[in-house]
Amino acid sequence: MNVNEVTRLARDIRVATLKSLTQLGFGHYGGSMSVVETLAVLYGSVMKIDPADPDWPERDYFVLSKGHAGPALYSTLAIKGYFPVEELSTLNHNGTRLPSHPDRLKTRGVDATTGSLGQGISIAGGMALSHKLAGRPNRVFCIVGDGELNEGQCWEAFQFIAHHRLNNLTVFVDWNKQQLDGELDEIICAFDLEGKFRAFGFDVVTVKGDDIPGLLEVVTPVPDAQARPRVVILDSIKGQGVPYLEQLSNSHHLRLTDEVKATLNETIRQLEAAND
């Protein structure tokens, strides 16, 4: 996919995610919106995947460590053909294959069960080491949340990843500056994220979370054998791409009023029109 096609895919993912959450009436809006462009780049242009064969041994792997953004991942998988788009309307319903957080035993195309923060990045590190030891070319991609970095387990995983020079793993940090309880810096200040990761032994770049050309540039090249593992810090906005959500002080999880539903439905109409 070229930049224009990935941009269109991102709009489609955003619309599908907004629709499924708004039909449900509640859910993790902010953190789902802030990773849409990254998902579009990975699934639209970078990762080796086969929706007809989700367990294809030569595929690249994706781990959504910040599992609360599951609605955006489901929309991506549905649009790419892993399961019918119509199934998105069952999000978080009884008996659904699309629970609020990803479950690899329930959802076609999900590579790791996540939701308990800090564990996804550990899983991704194990996957990457397994492929490296076996001499396989598979790449692993993982998105972690900035609030998730409060978990000490993340930093144990980063130390492990850097020590083993797992350059077949690319980690994205969704730096949207907010978490469940409020502003990131008011809860536990992240200080110098770039400096921290460099000190751990990572190659570090920062890209705007909605900069599709920039994202393509930093993740498309296949890592050199001697390269260090890479961290891409996504300078994003919680609720990215949705004006109403972007201006909220806390959009982590919302239960919608009729007025807010109407506002979000109008945004959906505008985004759909932009893709026509």
C-alpha atoms as a PDB file:
ATOM      1  CA  MET A   1       0.000   0.000   0.000  1.00  0.00           C
ATOM      2  CA  ASN A   2       1.162   3.552  -0.710  1.00  0.00           C
ATOM      3  CA  VAL A   3       0.693   6.500   1.663  1.00  0.00           C
ATOM      4  CA  ASN A   4      -2.734   7.413   0.281  1.00  0.00           C
ATOM      5  CA  GLU A   5      -3.972   3.843   0.574  1.00  0.00           C
ATOM      6  CA  VAL A   6      -2.700   3.517   4.142  1.00  0.00           C
ATOM      7  CA  THR A   7      -4.331   6.855   4.992  1.00  0.00           C
ATOM      8  CA  ARG A   8      -7.638   5.551   3.666  1.00  0.00           C
ATOM      9  CA  LEU A   9      -7.203   2.335   5.638  1.00  0.00           C
ATOM     10  CA  ALA A  10      -6.610   4.374   8.805  1.00  0.00           C
ATOM     11  CA  ARG A  11      -9.871   6.258   8.207  1.00  0.00           C
ATOM     12  CA  ASP A  12     -11.695   2.971   7.691  1.00  0.00           C
ATOM     13  CA  ILE A  13     -10.249   1.568  10.928  1.00  0.00           C
ATOM     14  CA  ARG A  14     -11.183   4.713  12.846  1.00  0.00           C
ATOM     15  CA  VAL A  15     -14.743   4.668  11.489  1.00  0.00           C
ATOM     16  CA  ALA A  16     -15.228   0.956  12.201  1.00  0.00           C
ATOM     17  CA  THR A  17     -13.858   1.342  15.733  1.00  0.00           C
ATOM     18  CA  LEU A  18     -16.028   4.366  16.479  1.00  0.00           C
ATOM     19  CA  LYS A  19     -19.086   2.543  15.150  1.00  0.00           C
ATOM     20  CA  SER A  20     -18.549  -0.598  17.209  1.00  0.00           C
ATOM     21  CA  LEU A  21     -17.882   1.338  20.425  1.00  0.00           C
ATOM     22  CA  THR A  22     -20.710   3.818  19.895  1.00  0.00           C
ATOM     23  CA  GLN A  23     -23.219   1.055  19.138  1.00  0.00           C
ATOM     24  CA  LEU A  24     -22.115  -0.611  22.368  1.00  0.00           C
ATOM     25  CA  GLY A  25     -22.445   2.676  24.260  1.00  0.00           C
ATOM     26  CA  PHE A  26     -19.245   2.431  26.280  1.00  0.00           C
ATOM     27  CA  GLY A  27     -15.627   1.403  25.988  1.00  0.00           C
ATOM     28  CA  HIS A  28     -11.991   2.364  25.597  1.00  0.00           C
ATOM     29  CA  TYR A  29     -12.166   5.189  23.097  1.00  0.00           C
ATOM     30  CA  GLY A  30      -9.073   7.314  23.697  1.00  0.00           C
ATOM     31  CA  GLY A  31      -6.373   4.660  23.597  1.00  0.00           C
ATOM     32  CA  SER A  32      -7.994   2.903  20.648  1.00  0.00           C
ATOM     33  CA  MET A  33      -7.961   6.060  18.535  1.00  0.00           C
ATOM     34  CA  SER A  34      -4.323   6.909  19.284  1.00  0.00           C
ATOM     35  CA  VAL A  35      -2.978   3.696  17.705  1.00  0.00           C
ATOM     36  CA  VAL A  36      -5.102   3.670  14.519  1.00  0.00           C
ATOM     37  CA  GLU A  37      -2.414   5.014  12.175  1.00  0.00           C
ATOM     38  CA  THR A  38       0.177   2.604  13.551  1.00  0.00           C
ATOM     39  CA  LEU A  39      -2.149  -0.344  12.976  1.00  0.00           C
ATOM     40  CA  ALA A  40      -2.900   0.870   9.443  1.00  0.00           C
ATOM     41  CA  VAL A  41       0.811   1.116   8.630  1.00  0.00           C
ATOM     42  CA  LEU A  42       1.633  -2.311  10.071  1.00  0.00           C
ATOM     43  CA  TYR A  43      -1.280  -4.273   8.628  1.00  0.00           C
ATOM     44  CA  GLY A  44      -1.544  -2.258   5.440  1.00  0.00           C
ATOM     45  CA  SER A  45       2.073  -2.017   4.349  1.00  0.00           C
ATOM     46  CA  VAL A  46       4.668  -3.592   6.631  1.00  0.00           C
ATOM     47  CA  MET A  47       3.719  -6.942   8.124  1.00  0.00           C
ATOM     48  CA  LYS A  48       3.764 -10.250   6.270  1.00  0.00           C
ATOM     49  CA  ILE A  49       0.284 -11.657   6.931  1.00  0.00           C
ATOM     50  CA  ASP A  50      -2.229 -14.029   5.367  1.00  0.00           C
ATOM     51  CA  PRO A  51      -5.796 -13.454   6.623  1.00  0.00           C
ATOM     52  CA  ALA A  52      -6.825 -16.734   4.958  1.00  0.00           C
ATOM     53  CA  ASP A  53      -4.236 -18.553   7.087  1.00  0.00           C
ATOM     54  CA  PRO A  54      -3.791 -16.671  10.392  1.00  0.00           C
ATOM     55  CA  ASP A  55      -1.359 -19.314  11.682  1.00  0.00           C
ATOM     56  CA  TRP A  56       0.908 -19.124   8.626  1.00  0.00           C
ATOM     57  CA  PRO A  57       4.359 -19.981  10.063  1.00  0.00           C
ATOM     58  CA  GLU A  58       6.142 -17.303   8.002  1.00  0.00           C
ATOM     59  CA  ARG A  59       3.911 -14.447   9.147  1.00  0.00           C
ATOM     60  CA  ASP A  60       5.000 -11.476  11.206  1.00  0.00           C
ATOM     61  CA  TYR A  61       3.552 -11.281  14.708  1.00  0.00           C
ATOM     62  CA  PHE A  62       1.727  -8.427  16.431  1.00  0.00           C
ATOM     63  CA  VAL A  63       1.211  -8.001  20.176  1.00  0.00           C
ATOM     64  CA  LEU A  64      -1.098  -5.296  21.530  1.00  0.00           C
ATOM     65  CA  SER A  65       0.388  -5.027  25.002  1.00  0.00           C
ATOM     66  CA  LYS A  66      -2.024  -2.165  25.833  1.00  0.00           C
ATOM     67  CA  GLY A  67      -4.904  -4.589  25.426  1.00  0.00           C
ATOM     68  CA  HIS A  68      -7.606  -2.019  26.179  1.00  0.00           C
ATOM     69  CA  ALA A  69      -7.151  -0.801  22.574  1.00  0.00           C
ATOM     70  CA  GLY A  70      -8.582  -4.113  21.402  1.00  0.00           C
ATOM     71  CA  PRO A  71     -11.494  -2.451  19.531  1.00  0.00           C
ATOM     72  CA  ALA A  72      -9.031  -0.824  17.106  1.00  0.00           C
ATOM     73  CA  LEU A  73      -7.223  -4.122  16.553  1.00  0.00           C
ATOM     74  CA  TYR A  74     -10.507  -5.917  15.861  1.00  0.00           C
ATOM     75  CA  SER A  75     -11.492  -3.304  13.290  1.00  0.00           C
ATOM     76  CA  THR A  76      -8.113  -3.703  11.591  1.00  0.00           C
ATOM     77  CA  LEU A  77      -8.386  -7.476  11.471  1.00  0.00           C
ATOM     78  CA  ALA A  78     -11.947  -7.373  10.144  1.00  0.00           C
ATOM     79  CA  ILE A  79     -11.112  -4.885   7.391  1.00  0.00           C
ATOM     80  CA  LYS A  80      -8.112  -7.002   6.372  1.00  0.00           C
ATOM     81  CA  GLY A  81     -10.366 -10.051   6.053  1.00  0.00           C
ATOM     82  CA  TYR A  82      -9.707 -12.179   9.139  1.00  0.00           C
ATOM     83  CA  PHE A  83     -13.440 -12.242   9.925  1.00  0.00           C
ATOM     84  CA  PRO A  84     -16.564 -10.429   8.660  1.00  0.00           C
ATOM     85  CA  VAL A  85     -16.782  -6.696   9.349  1.00  0.00           C
ATOM     86  CA  GLU A  86     -20.380  -7.269  10.481  1.00  0.00           C
ATOM     87  CA  GLU A  87     -19.044  -9.158  13.490  1.00  0.00           C
ATOM     88  CA  LEU A  88     -17.677  -5.891  14.927  1.00  0.00           C
ATOM     89  CA  SER A  89     -21.211  -5.103  16.121  1.00  0.00           C
ATOM     90  CA  THR A  90     -20.865  -7.946  18.663  1.00  0.00           C
ATOM     91  CA  LEU A  91     -17.998  -6.199  20.505  1.00  0.00           C
ATOM     92  CA  ASN A  92     -18.102  -7.050  24.223  1.00  0.00           C
ATOM     93  CA  HIS A  93     -21.503  -8.781  24.005  1.00  0.00           C
ATOM     94  CA  ASN A  94     -22.204 -12.061  25.766  1.00  0.00           C
ATOM     95  CA  GLY A  95     -20.838 -14.934  23.694  1.00  0.00           C
ATOM     96  CA  THR A  96     -18.837 -12.674  21.380  1.00  0.00           C
ATOM     97  CA  ARG A  97     -15.522 -13.597  19.788  1.00  0.00           C
ATOM     98  CA  LEU A  98     -14.508  -9.951  20.365  1.00  0.00           C
ATOM     99  CA  PRO A  99     -14.068  -9.367  24.112  1.00  0.00           C
ATOM    100  CA  SER A 100     -13.006  -5.952  25.383  1.00  0.00           C
ATOM    101  CA  HIS A 101      -9.359  -7.117  25.501  1.00  0.00           C
ATOM    102  CA  PRO A 102      -7.745  -9.432  22.904  1.00  0.00           C
ATOM    103  CA  ASP A 103      -7.894 -13.180  23.469  1.00  0.00           C
ATOM    104  CA  ARG A 104      -5.942 -15.347  21.028  1.00  0.00           C
ATOM    105  CA  LEU A 105      -8.206 -18.319  21.779  1.00  0.00           C
ATOM    106  CA  LYS A 106     -11.319 -16.390  20.760  1.00  0.00           C
ATOM    107  CA  THR A 107     -10.401 -14.062  17.913  1.00  0.00           C
ATOM    108  CA  ARG A 108      -9.018 -15.087  14.538  1.00  0.00           C
ATOM    109  CA  GLY A 109      -5.791 -13.180  13.826  1.00  0.00           C
ATOM    110  CA  VAL A 110      -4.898 -12.286  17.424  1.00  0.00           C
ATOM    111  CA  ASP A 111      -1.381 -13.490  18.260  1.00  0.00           C
ATOM    112  CA  ALA A 112      -1.376 -12.844  22.026  1.00  0.00           C
ATOM    113  CA  THR A 113      -3.898 -12.543  24.845  1.00  0.00           C
ATOM    114  CA  THR A 114      -3.335  -9.207  26.571  1.00  0.00           C
ATOM    115  CA  GLY A 115      -4.935  -6.782  28.984  1.00  0.00           C
ATOM    116  CA  SER A 116      -2.855  -7.331  32.097  1.00  0.00           C
ATOM    117  CA  LEU A 117      -0.454  -4.453  31.551  1.00  0.00           C
ATOM    118  CA  GLY A 118       3.234  -5.258  31.223  1.00  0.00           C
ATOM    119  CA  GLN A 119       2.726  -8.808  30.026  1.00  0.00           C
ATOM    120  CA  GLY A 120       2.357  -8.173  26.298  1.00  0.00           C
ATOM    121  CA  ILE A 121       5.840  -6.724  25.894  1.00  0.00           C
ATOM    122  CA  SER A 122       7.214  -9.733  27.774  1.00  0.00           C
ATOM    123  CA  ILE A 123       5.378 -12.079  25.389  1.00  0.00           C
ATOM    124  CA  ALA A 124       6.708 -10.136  22.396  1.00  0.00           C
ATOM    125  CA  GLY A 125      10.258 -10.463  23.689  1.00  0.00           C
ATOM    126  CA  GLY A 126       9.834 -14.219  24.026  1.00  0.00           C
ATOM    127  CA  MET A 127       8.419 -14.479  20.507  1.00  0.00           C
ATOM    128  CA  ALA A 128      11.316 -12.498  19.068  1.00  0.00           C
ATOM    129  CA  LEU A 129      13.918 -14.616  20.874  1.00  0.00           C
ATOM    130  CA  SER A 130      12.249 -17.819  19.673  1.00  0.00           C
ATOM    131  CA  HIS A 131      12.404 -16.699  16.037  1.00  0.00           C
ATOM    132  CA  LYS A 132      15.980 -15.488  16.384  1.00  0.00           C
ATOM    133  CA  LEU A 133      17.213 -18.733  17.961  1.00  0.00           C
ATOM    134  CA  ALA A 134      15.501 -20.750  15.228  1.00  0.00           C
ATOM    135  CA  GLY A 135      17.006 -18.575  12.491  1.00  0.00           C
ATOM    136  CA  ARG A 136      13.569 -17.572  11.217  1.00  0.00           C
ATOM    137  CA  PRO A 137      13.043 -14.188   9.477  1.00  0.00           C
ATOM    138  CA  ASN A 138       9.713 -13.426  11.193  1.00  0.00           C
ATOM    139  CA  ARG A 139       9.431  -9.942  12.658  1.00  0.00           C
ATOM    140  CA  VAL A 140       7.526  -9.049  15.833  1.00  0.00           C
ATOM    141  CA  PHE A 141       5.760  -5.742  16.468  1.00  0.00           C
ATOM    142  CA  CYS A 142       4.399  -4.617  19.826  1.00  0.00           C
ATOM    143  CA  ILE A 143       2.491  -1.540  21.031  1.00  0.00           C
ATOM    144  CA  VAL A 144       2.801  -0.591  24.704  1.00  0.00           C
ATOM    145  CA  GLY A 145       1.042   2.265  26.470  1.00  0.00           C
ATOM    146  CA  ASP A 146       2.869   5.098  28.180  1.00  0.00           C
ATOM    147  CA  GLY A 147       0.861   4.521  31.367  1.00  0.00           C
ATOM    148  CA  GLU A 148       1.695   0.836  31.045  1.00  0.00           C
ATOM    149  CA  LEU A 149       5.344   1.772  31.563  1.00  0.00           C
ATOM    150  CA  ASN A 150       4.476   2.281  35.251  1.00  0.00           C
ATOM    151  CA  GLU A 151       4.680  -1.508  35.442  1.00  0.00           C
ATOM    152  CA  GLY A 152       8.144  -2.669  36.433  1.00  0.00           C
ATOM    153  CA  GLN A 153       7.682  -5.812  34.348  1.00  0.00           C
ATOM    154  CA  CYS A 154       7.976  -3.667  31.212  1.00  0.00           C
ATOM    155  CA  TRP A 155      11.481  -2.594  32.115  1.00  0.00           C
ATOM    156  CA  GLU A 156      12.537  -6.149  32.932  1.00  0.00           C
ATOM    157  CA  ALA A 157      11.304  -7.100  29.457  1.00  0.00           C
ATOM    158  CA  PHE A 158      13.152  -4.195  27.826  1.00  0.00           C
ATOM    159  CA  GLN A 159      16.365  -5.222  29.575  1.00  0.00           C
ATOM    160  CA  PHE A 160      15.884  -8.791  28.291  1.00  0.00           C
ATOM    161  CA  ILE A 161      15.155  -7.582  24.732  1.00  0.00           C
ATOM    162  CA  ALA A 162      18.199  -5.316  24.618  1.00  0.00           C
ATOM    163  CA  HIS A 163      20.496  -7.923  26.180  1.00  0.00           C
ATOM    164  CA  HIS A 164      19.579 -10.472  23.516  1.00  0.00           C
ATOM    165  CA  ARG A 165      19.771  -7.839  20.748  1.00  0.00           C
ATOM    166  CA  LEU A 166      16.323  -8.760  19.487  1.00  0.00           C
ATOM    167  CA  ASN A 167      16.431  -6.525  16.440  1.00  0.00           C
ATOM    168  CA  ASN A 168      13.602  -8.540  14.895  1.00  0.00           C
ATOM    169  CA  LEU A 169      11.319  -6.786  17.398  1.00  0.00           C
ATOM    170  CA  THR A 170      10.015  -3.238  16.967  1.00  0.00           C
ATOM    171  CA  VAL A 171       8.315  -1.671  19.988  1.00  0.00           C
ATOM    172  CA  PHE A 172       5.920   1.256  19.715  1.00  0.00           C
ATOM    173  CA  VAL A 173       5.262   3.366  22.805  1.00  0.00           C
ATOM    174  CA  ASP A 174       1.896   5.130  22.548  1.00  0.00           C
ATOM    175  CA  TRP A 175       2.945   8.375  24.214  1.00  0.00           C
ATOM    176  CA  ASN A 176      -0.470  10.033  24.444  1.00  0.00           C
ATOM    177  CA  LYS A 177       0.383  11.546  27.847  1.00  0.00           C
ATOM    178  CA  GLN A 178      -2.729  10.260  29.613  1.00  0.00           C
ATOM    179  CA  GLN A 179      -3.671   7.106  31.450  1.00  0.00           C
ATOM    180  CA  LEU A 180      -6.663   5.713  33.314  1.00  0.00           C
ATOM    181  CA  ASP A 181      -6.330   8.017  36.327  1.00  0.00           C
ATOM    182  CA  GLY A 182      -5.368  11.232  34.528  1.00  0.00           C
ATOM    183  CA  GLU A 183      -2.313  12.999  33.146  1.00  0.00           C
ATOM    184  CA  LEU A 184       0.769  10.819  32.864  1.00  0.00           C
ATOM    185  CA  ASP A 185       3.180  13.287  34.457  1.00  0.00           C
ATOM    186  CA  GLU A 186       0.887  13.827  37.451  1.00  0.00           C
ATOM    187  CA  ILE A 187       0.785  10.115  38.299  1.00  0.00           C
ATOM    188  CA  ILE A 188       4.308   8.863  37.574  1.00  0.00           C
ATOM    189  CA  CYS A 189       6.446  11.146  35.439  1.00  0.00           C
ATOM    190  CA  ALA A 190       8.072   9.336  32.528  1.00  0.00           C
ATOM    191  CA  PHE A 191      10.950  11.851  32.435  1.00  0.00           C
ATOM    192  CA  ASP A 192      13.248  11.329  29.425  1.00  0.00           C
ATOM    193  CA  LEU A 193      11.769   8.362  27.564  1.00  0.00           C
ATOM    194  CA  GLU A 194      14.220   8.567  24.670  1.00  0.00           C
ATOM    195  CA  GLY A 195      17.162   8.695  27.059  1.00  0.00           C
ATOM    196  CA  LYS A 196      15.868   5.761  29.086  1.00  0.00           C
ATOM    197  CA  PHE A 197      15.525   3.495  26.079  1.00  0.00           C
ATOM    198  CA  ARG A 198      18.922   4.497  24.691  1.00  0.00           C
ATOM    199  CA  ALA A 199      20.470   3.693  28.063  1.00  0.00           C
ATOM    200  CA  PHE A 200      18.872   0.248  27.878  1.00  0.00           C
ATOM    201  CA  GLY A 201      20.481  -0.327  24.471  1.00  0.00           C
ATOM    202  CA  PHE A 202      17.706   0.484  22.000  1.00  0.00           C
ATOM    203  CA  ASP A 203      17.717   2.444  18.785  1.00  0.00           C
ATOM    204  CA  VAL A 204      15.103   5.152  19.456  1.00  0.00           C
ATOM    205  CA  VAL A 205      13.081   7.397  17.160  1.00  0.00           C
ATOM    206  CA  THR A 206      10.114   9.662  17.895  1.00  0.00           C
ATOM    207  CA  VAL A 207       7.355  10.103  15.316  1.00  0.00           C
ATOM    208  CA  LYS A 208       4.022  11.915  15.424  1.00  0.00           C
ATOM    209  CA  GLY A 209       1.360   9.304  16.053  1.00  0.00           C
ATOM    210  CA  ASP A 210      -0.624  10.272  12.959  1.00  0.00           C
ATOM    211  CA  ASP A 211       2.385  10.769  10.646  1.00  0.00           C
ATOM    212  CA  ILE A 212       1.856   7.908   8.222  1.00  0.00           C
ATOM    213  CA  PRO A 213       4.849   8.721   5.947  1.00  0.00           C
ATOM    214  CA  GLY A 214       7.055   9.034   9.030  1.00  0.00           C
ATOM    215  CA  LEU A 215       5.844   5.723  10.430  1.00  0.00           C
ATOM    216  CA  LEU A 216       6.412   3.973   7.120  1.00  0.00           C
ATOM    217  CA  GLU A 217       9.953   5.331   7.008  1.00  0.00           C
ATOM    218  CA  VAL A 218      10.952   4.032  10.440  1.00  0.00           C
ATOM    219  CA  VAL A 219       9.417   0.546  10.251  1.00  0.00           C
ATOM    220  CA  THR A 220       9.641  -0.515   6.598  1.00  0.00           C
ATOM    221  CA  PRO A 221      13.375  -1.390   6.409  1.00  0.00           C
ATOM    222  CA  VAL A 222      14.205  -4.931   7.506  1.00  0.00           C
ATOM    223  CA  PRO A 223      16.639  -4.627  10.447  1.00  0.00           C
ATOM    224  CA  ASP A 224      20.341  -5.101   9.781  1.00  0.00           C
ATOM    225  CA  ALA A 225      21.788  -8.192  11.467  1.00  0.00           C
ATOM    226  CA  GLN A 226      23.964  -6.020  13.714  1.00  0.00           C
ATOM    227  CA  ALA A 227      21.274  -3.456  14.493  1.00  0.00           C
ATOM    228  CA  ARG A 228      19.850  -2.874  17.940  1.00  0.00           C
ATOM    229  CA  PRO A 229      16.159  -3.434  18.688  1.00  0.00           C
ATOM    230  CA  ARG A 230      14.114  -0.335  17.890  1.00  0.00           C
ATOM    231  CA  VAL A 231      11.678   1.676  19.980  1.00  0.00           C
ATOM    232  CA  VAL A 232       9.370   4.057  18.145  1.00  0.00           C
ATOM    233  CA  ILE A 233       7.880   6.647  20.488  1.00  0.00           C
ATOM    234  CA  LEU A 234       4.504   7.694  19.086  1.00  0.00           C
ATOM    235  CA  ASP A 235       3.903  11.347  19.964  1.00  0.00           C
ATOM    236  CA  SER A 236       0.143  10.884  19.892  1.00  0.00           C
ATOM    237  CA  ILE A 237      -3.060  12.354  21.298  1.00  0.00           C
ATOM    238  CA  LYS A 238      -5.547  10.313  23.274  1.00  0.00           C
ATOM    239  CA  GLY A 239      -8.656  10.206  21.103  1.00  0.00           C
ATOM    240  CA  GLN A 240      -6.557  11.014  18.022  1.00  0.00           C
ATOM    241  CA  GLY A 241      -8.506  11.965  14.913  1.00  0.00           C
ATOM    242  CA  VAL A 242     -11.777  12.632  16.759  1.00  0.00           C
ATOM    243  CA  PRO A 243     -12.111  16.305  17.807  1.00  0.00           C
ATOM    244  CA  TYR A 244     -14.556  15.646  20.651  1.00  0.00           C
ATOM    245  CA  LEU A 245     -12.296  12.992  22.187  1.00  0.00           C
ATOM    246  CA  GLU A 246      -9.076  14.952  21.692  1.00  0.00           C
ATOM    247  CA  GLN A 247     -10.304  17.819  23.876  1.00  0.00           C
ATOM    248  CA  LEU A 248     -11.426  15.631  26.801  1.00  0.00           C
ATOM    249  CA  SER A 249      -9.285  15.568  29.927  1.00  0.00           C
ATOM    250  CA  ASN A 250      -9.911  11.823  30.209  1.00  0.00           C
ATOM    251  CA  SER A 251     -11.159   9.703  27.309  1.00  0.00           C
ATOM    252  CA  HIS A 252      -9.664   6.430  28.524  1.00  0.00           C
ATOM    253  CA  HIS A 253     -13.058   4.767  29.046  1.00  0.00           C
ATOM    254  CA  LEU A 254     -16.371   6.457  28.324  1.00  0.00           C
ATOM    255  CA  ARG A 255     -20.015   5.622  28.932  1.00  0.00           C
ATOM    256  CA  LEU A 256     -21.964   7.646  26.394  1.00  0.00           C
ATOM    257  CA  THR A 257     -24.878  10.006  26.843  1.00  0.00           C
ATOM    258  CA  ASP A 258     -27.294  10.502  23.945  1.00  0.00           C
ATOM    259  CA  GLU A 259     -25.669  13.878  23.253  1.00  0.00           C
ATOM    260  CA  VAL A 260     -22.173  12.404  23.021  1.00  0.00           C
ATOM    261  CA  LYS A 261     -23.462   9.578  20.811  1.00  0.00           C
ATOM    262  CA  ALA A 262     -24.885  12.155  18.419  1.00  0.00           C
ATOM    263  CA  THR A 263     -21.555  14.015  18.351  1.00  0.00           C
ATOM    264  CA  LEU A 264     -19.589  10.846  17.611  1.00  0.00           C
ATOM    265  CA  ASN A 265     -22.062   9.717  14.958  1.00  0.00           C
ATOM    266  CA  GLU A 266     -21.570  13.059  13.206  1.00  0.00           C
ATOM    267  CA  THR A 267     -17.790  12.487  13.269  1.00  0.00           C
ATOM    268  CA  ILE A 268     -18.371   9.044  11.749  1.00  0.00           C
ATOM    269  CA  ARG A 269     -20.386  10.607   8.918  1.00  0.00           C
ATOM    270  CA  GLN A 270     -17.634  13.158   8.251  1.00  0.00           C
ATOM    271  CA  LEU A 271     -14.910  10.503   8.171  1.00  0.00           C
ATOM    272  CA  GLU A 272     -16.950   8.313   5.838  1.00  0.00           C
ATOM    273  CA  ALA A 273     -17.495  11.277   3.521  1.00  0.00           C
ATOM    274  CA  ALA A 274     -13.731  11.930   3.454  1.00  0.00           C
ATOM    275  CA  ASN A 275     -13.192   8.404   2.114  1.00  0.00           C
ATOM    276  CA  ASP A 276     -15.810   8.706  -0.653  1.00  0.00           C
END
